[in-house]
Amino acid sequence: MEKQKQIFAGSGKKQNDTWLKVNLNFTELEKHAEEYMGKKYVKVNINIGKPDKFQKDVQVTIDTWKPTEKSAPAKTFAKDDDSLPF
């Protein structure tokens, strides 16, 4: 599997065990928005790590993962074929 370049969309700080405070780059998020049922969504990954030089320990990146398409060849059955079609 090929590793894709991360697209950073924000950063922040962990305030406590249940609270992350982040700033998001709306311009970058908007570029990767996908529409579903008339609304726009962006999938993101939120990672908690070691603090950077600005003491930010939360990184937000765009989730660019797409499933690989697998196309199975359709099997055709002849009338004289005794095998079951399922």
N, C-alpha and C. Protein backbone atom coordinates (compact mmCIF):
# COMPACT_ATOMS: atom_id res chain seq x y z
N MET A 1 0.85 -1.17 0.00
CA MET A 1 0.00 0.00 0.00
C MET A 1 0.90 1.24 0.00
N GLU A 2 0.57 2.17 -0.82
CA GLU A 2 1.34 3.40 -0.99
C GLU A 2 0.97 4.42 0.09
N LYS A 3 1.98 4.98 0.74
CA LYS A 3 1.72 5.98 1.78
C LYS A 3 1.51 7.33 1.11
N GLN A 4 0.39 7.98 1.44
CA GLN A 4 0.06 9.28 0.87
C GLN A 4 0.58 10.40 1.76
N LYS A 5 0.87 11.53 1.13
CA LYS A 5 1.31 12.70 1.87
C LYS A 5 0.16 13.22 2.73
N GLN A 6 0.46 13.55 3.98
CA GLN A 6 -0.57 14.07 4.87
C GLN A 6 -0.93 15.50 4.50
N ILE A 7 -2.21 15.81 4.56
CA ILE A 7 -2.70 17.16 4.31
C ILE A 7 -3.15 17.72 5.66
N PHE A 8 -2.36 18.65 6.20
CA PHE A 8 -2.67 19.21 7.51
C PHE A 8 -3.81 20.21 7.41
N ALA A 9 -4.75 20.11 8.33
CA ALA A 9 -5.94 20.98 8.32
C ALA A 9 -6.14 21.68 9.65
N GLY A 10 -5.20 21.52 10.57
CA GLY A 10 -5.34 22.19 11.85
C GLY A 10 -4.44 21.59 12.90
N SER A 11 -4.44 22.24 14.06
CA SER A 11 -3.66 21.75 15.19
C SER A 11 -4.28 22.29 16.47
N GLY A 12 -3.82 21.78 17.59
CA GLY A 12 -4.37 22.24 18.86
C GLY A 12 -3.66 21.63 20.04
N LYS A 13 -4.33 21.68 21.18
CA LYS A 13 -3.76 21.18 22.42
C LYS A 13 -4.77 20.30 23.15
N LYS A 14 -4.24 19.30 23.79
CA LYS A 14 -5.06 18.45 24.64
C LYS A 14 -5.24 19.19 25.96
N GLN A 15 -6.49 19.48 26.32
CA GLN A 15 -6.77 20.22 27.55
C GLN A 15 -6.85 19.27 28.75
N ASN A 16 -7.49 18.11 28.55
CA ASN A 16 -7.53 17.06 29.56
C ASN A 16 -7.88 15.76 28.84
N ASP A 17 -8.18 14.69 29.57
CA ASP A 17 -8.41 13.38 28.94
C ASP A 17 -9.59 13.36 27.98
N THR A 18 -10.56 14.23 28.16
CA THR A 18 -11.77 14.19 27.33
C THR A 18 -11.99 15.46 26.51
N TRP A 19 -11.01 16.35 26.46
CA TRP A 19 -11.22 17.63 25.79
C TRP A 19 -10.00 18.00 24.96
N LEU A 20 -10.22 18.13 23.64
CA LEU A 20 -9.19 18.60 22.72
C LEU A 20 -9.64 19.96 22.20
N LYS A 21 -8.73 20.90 22.14
CA LYS A 21 -9.03 22.24 21.64
C LYS A 21 -8.20 22.43 20.36
N VAL A 22 -8.88 22.61 19.21
CA VAL A 22 -8.17 22.71 17.93
C VAL A 22 -8.63 23.91 17.13
N ASN A 23 -7.74 24.37 16.26
CA ASN A 23 -8.06 25.38 15.26
C ASN A 23 -8.02 24.67 13.91
N LEU A 24 -9.05 24.88 13.09
CA LEU A 24 -9.14 24.22 11.80
C LEU A 24 -8.97 25.22 10.67
N ASN A 25 -8.28 24.78 9.62
CA ASN A 25 -8.07 25.59 8.43
C ASN A 25 -9.25 25.33 7.49
N PHE A 26 -10.24 26.22 7.52
CA PHE A 26 -11.46 26.02 6.75
C PHE A 26 -11.18 25.99 5.25
N THR A 27 -10.23 26.78 4.78
CA THR A 27 -9.89 26.79 3.35
C THR A 27 -9.43 25.41 2.90
N GLU A 28 -8.61 24.76 3.71
CA GLU A 28 -8.13 23.42 3.36
C GLU A 28 -9.25 22.39 3.48
N LEU A 29 -10.08 22.51 4.51
CA LEU A 29 -11.19 21.57 4.67
C LEU A 29 -12.17 21.66 3.50
N GLU A 30 -12.44 22.87 3.06
CA GLU A 30 -13.40 23.09 1.98
C GLU A 30 -12.95 22.42 0.67
N LYS A 31 -11.64 22.38 0.43
CA LYS A 31 -11.10 21.74 -0.78
C LYS A 31 -11.42 20.25 -0.83
N HIS A 32 -11.59 19.63 0.33
CA HIS A 32 -11.76 18.18 0.41
C HIS A 32 -13.16 17.77 0.84
N ALA A 33 -14.10 18.70 0.80
CA ALA A 33 -15.47 18.40 1.21
C ALA A 33 -16.14 17.50 0.17
N GLU A 34 -16.91 16.55 0.65
CA GLU A 34 -17.70 15.66 -0.21
C GLU A 34 -19.16 15.85 0.15
N GLU A 35 -19.99 15.85 -0.86
CA GLU A 35 -21.42 16.06 -0.62
C GLU A 35 -22.12 14.72 -0.45
N TYR A 36 -23.01 14.69 0.54
CA TYR A 36 -23.81 13.50 0.81
C TYR A 36 -25.18 13.97 1.27
N MET A 37 -26.20 13.62 0.51
CA MET A 37 -27.58 13.97 0.81
C MET A 37 -27.76 15.48 1.03
N GLY A 38 -27.11 16.27 0.18
CA GLY A 38 -27.28 17.72 0.20
C GLY A 38 -26.44 18.45 1.25
N LYS A 39 -25.61 17.73 1.98
CA LYS A 39 -24.75 18.36 2.99
C LYS A 39 -23.30 18.05 2.67
N LYS A 40 -22.38 18.92 3.10
CA LYS A 40 -20.96 18.73 2.84
C LYS A 40 -20.27 18.19 4.08
N TYR A 41 -19.41 17.19 3.88
CA TYR A 41 -18.68 16.55 4.96
C TYR A 41 -17.20 16.44 4.61
N VAL A 42 -16.36 16.44 5.62
CA VAL A 42 -14.93 16.21 5.46
C VAL A 42 -14.51 15.20 6.52
N LYS A 43 -13.85 14.12 6.07
CA LYS A 43 -13.33 13.13 7.02
C LYS A 43 -11.95 13.59 7.46
N VAL A 44 -11.72 13.59 8.76
CA VAL A 44 -10.43 14.02 9.30
C VAL A 44 -9.88 12.96 10.25
N ASN A 45 -8.57 12.98 10.41
CA ASN A 45 -7.88 12.17 11.41
C ASN A 45 -7.37 13.12 12.48
N ILE A 46 -7.60 12.79 13.74
CA ILE A 46 -7.13 13.61 14.85
C ILE A 46 -6.12 12.77 15.63
N ASN A 47 -4.88 13.25 15.67
CA ASN A 47 -3.80 12.52 16.31
C ASN A 47 -3.25 13.32 17.49
N ILE A 48 -3.01 12.62 18.58
CA ILE A 48 -2.39 13.24 19.76
C ILE A 48 -0.97 12.70 19.84
N GLY A 49 0.00 13.60 19.90
CA GLY A 49 1.40 13.19 19.92
C GLY A 49 2.22 14.08 20.81
N LYS A 50 3.51 14.14 20.50
CA LYS A 50 4.43 14.99 21.25
C LYS A 50 4.24 16.43 20.85
N PRO A 51 4.36 17.37 21.77
CA PRO A 51 4.20 18.79 21.45
C PRO A 51 5.25 19.27 20.44
N ASP A 52 4.82 20.12 19.51
CA ASP A 52 5.74 20.72 18.54
C ASP A 52 6.37 21.97 19.14
N LYS A 53 7.04 22.77 18.32
CA LYS A 53 7.72 23.96 18.86
C LYS A 53 6.75 25.01 19.39
N PHE A 54 5.47 24.91 19.04
CA PHE A 54 4.46 25.84 19.54
C PHE A 54 3.63 25.22 20.68
N GLN A 55 4.10 24.07 21.17
CA GLN A 55 3.45 23.32 22.24
C GLN A 55 2.09 22.76 21.84
N LYS A 56 1.87 22.58 20.54
CA LYS A 56 0.64 21.96 20.04
C LYS A 56 0.86 20.45 19.99
N ASP A 57 0.01 19.69 20.66
CA ASP A 57 0.18 18.24 20.68
C ASP A 57 -0.95 17.50 19.97
N VAL A 58 -1.83 18.23 19.30
CA VAL A 58 -2.93 17.64 18.54
C VAL A 58 -2.77 18.07 17.08
N GLN A 59 -2.78 17.10 16.17
CA GLN A 59 -2.70 17.39 14.74
C GLN A 59 -3.96 16.88 14.06
N VAL A 60 -4.50 17.69 13.15
CA VAL A 60 -5.68 17.32 12.39
C VAL A 60 -5.26 17.21 10.92
N THR A 61 -5.51 16.05 10.32
CA THR A 61 -5.19 15.85 8.91
C THR A 61 -6.44 15.37 8.17
N ILE A 62 -6.47 15.62 6.87
CA ILE A 62 -7.57 15.18 6.03
C ILE A 62 -7.45 13.67 5.83
N ASP A 63 -8.54 12.95 5.97
CA ASP A 63 -8.56 11.51 5.72
C ASP A 63 -8.78 11.31 4.22
N THR A 64 -7.73 10.95 3.50
CA THR A 64 -7.81 10.80 2.05
C THR A 64 -7.93 9.34 1.62
N TRP A 65 -8.11 8.42 2.56
CA TRP A 65 -8.19 7.01 2.23
C TRP A 65 -9.41 6.72 1.38
N LYS A 66 -9.21 5.99 0.31
CA LYS A 66 -10.30 5.53 -0.56
C LYS A 66 -10.16 4.02 -0.71
N PRO A 67 -11.25 3.28 -0.65
CA PRO A 67 -11.15 1.83 -0.84
C PRO A 67 -10.78 1.52 -2.28
N THR A 68 -10.02 0.45 -2.45
CA THR A 68 -9.66 0.04 -3.81
C THR A 68 -10.84 -0.68 -4.43
N GLU A 69 -11.06 -0.42 -5.69
CA GLU A 69 -12.19 -1.05 -6.38
C GLU A 69 -11.77 -2.44 -6.83
N LYS A 70 -12.56 -3.41 -6.45
CA LYS A 70 -12.32 -4.78 -6.87
C LYS A 70 -13.46 -5.19 -7.79
N SER A 71 -13.10 -5.54 -8.99
CA SER A 71 -14.15 -5.96 -9.92
C SER A 71 -13.97 -7.44 -10.21
N ALA A 72 -14.95 -8.22 -9.82
CA ALA A 72 -14.93 -9.65 -10.06
C ALA A 72 -15.62 -9.92 -11.39
N PRO A 73 -15.02 -10.75 -12.21
CA PRO A 73 -15.66 -11.06 -13.49
C PRO A 73 -16.98 -11.80 -13.26
N ALA A 74 -17.99 -11.38 -13.98
CA ALA A 74 -19.30 -12.01 -13.84
C ALA A 74 -19.27 -13.38 -14.49
N LYS A 75 -19.75 -14.37 -13.77
CA LYS A 75 -19.77 -15.73 -14.30
C LYS A 75 -21.11 -15.96 -14.99
N THR A 76 -21.04 -16.49 -16.19
CA THR A 76 -22.26 -16.80 -16.92
C THR A 76 -22.49 -18.30 -16.84
N PHE A 77 -23.74 -18.67 -16.79
CA PHE A 77 -24.11 -20.07 -16.68
C PHE A 77 -24.87 -20.49 -17.92
N ALA A 78 -24.48 -21.61 -18.46
CA ALA A 78 -25.17 -22.17 -19.63
C ALA A 78 -26.34 -23.00 -19.14
N LYS A 79 -27.32 -23.18 -20.01
CA LYS A 79 -28.50 -23.96 -19.62
C LYS A 79 -28.13 -25.41 -19.27
N ASP A 80 -27.14 -25.95 -19.95
CA ASP A 80 -26.74 -27.34 -19.71
C ASP A 80 -25.76 -27.49 -18.56
N ASP A 81 -25.40 -26.38 -17.94
CA ASP A 81 -24.43 -26.41 -16.85
C ASP A 81 -25.14 -26.92 -15.59
N ASP A 82 -24.58 -27.97 -14.96
CA ASP A 82 -25.19 -28.54 -13.76
C ASP A 82 -24.81 -27.81 -12.48
N SER A 83 -23.88 -26.83 -12.57
CA SER A 83 -23.47 -26.12 -11.35
C SER A 83 -24.53 -25.12 -10.95
N LEU A 84 -24.61 -24.88 -9.69
CA LEU A 84 -25.60 -23.92 -9.16
C LEU A 84 -25.09 -22.49 -9.37
N PRO A 85 -25.98 -21.55 -9.61
CA PRO A 85 -25.55 -20.18 -9.86
C PRO A 85 -25.24 -19.39 -8.60
N PHE A 86 -25.15 -20.02 -7.45
CA PHE A 86 -24.83 -19.30 -6.22
C PHE A 86 -23.82 -20.05 -5.41
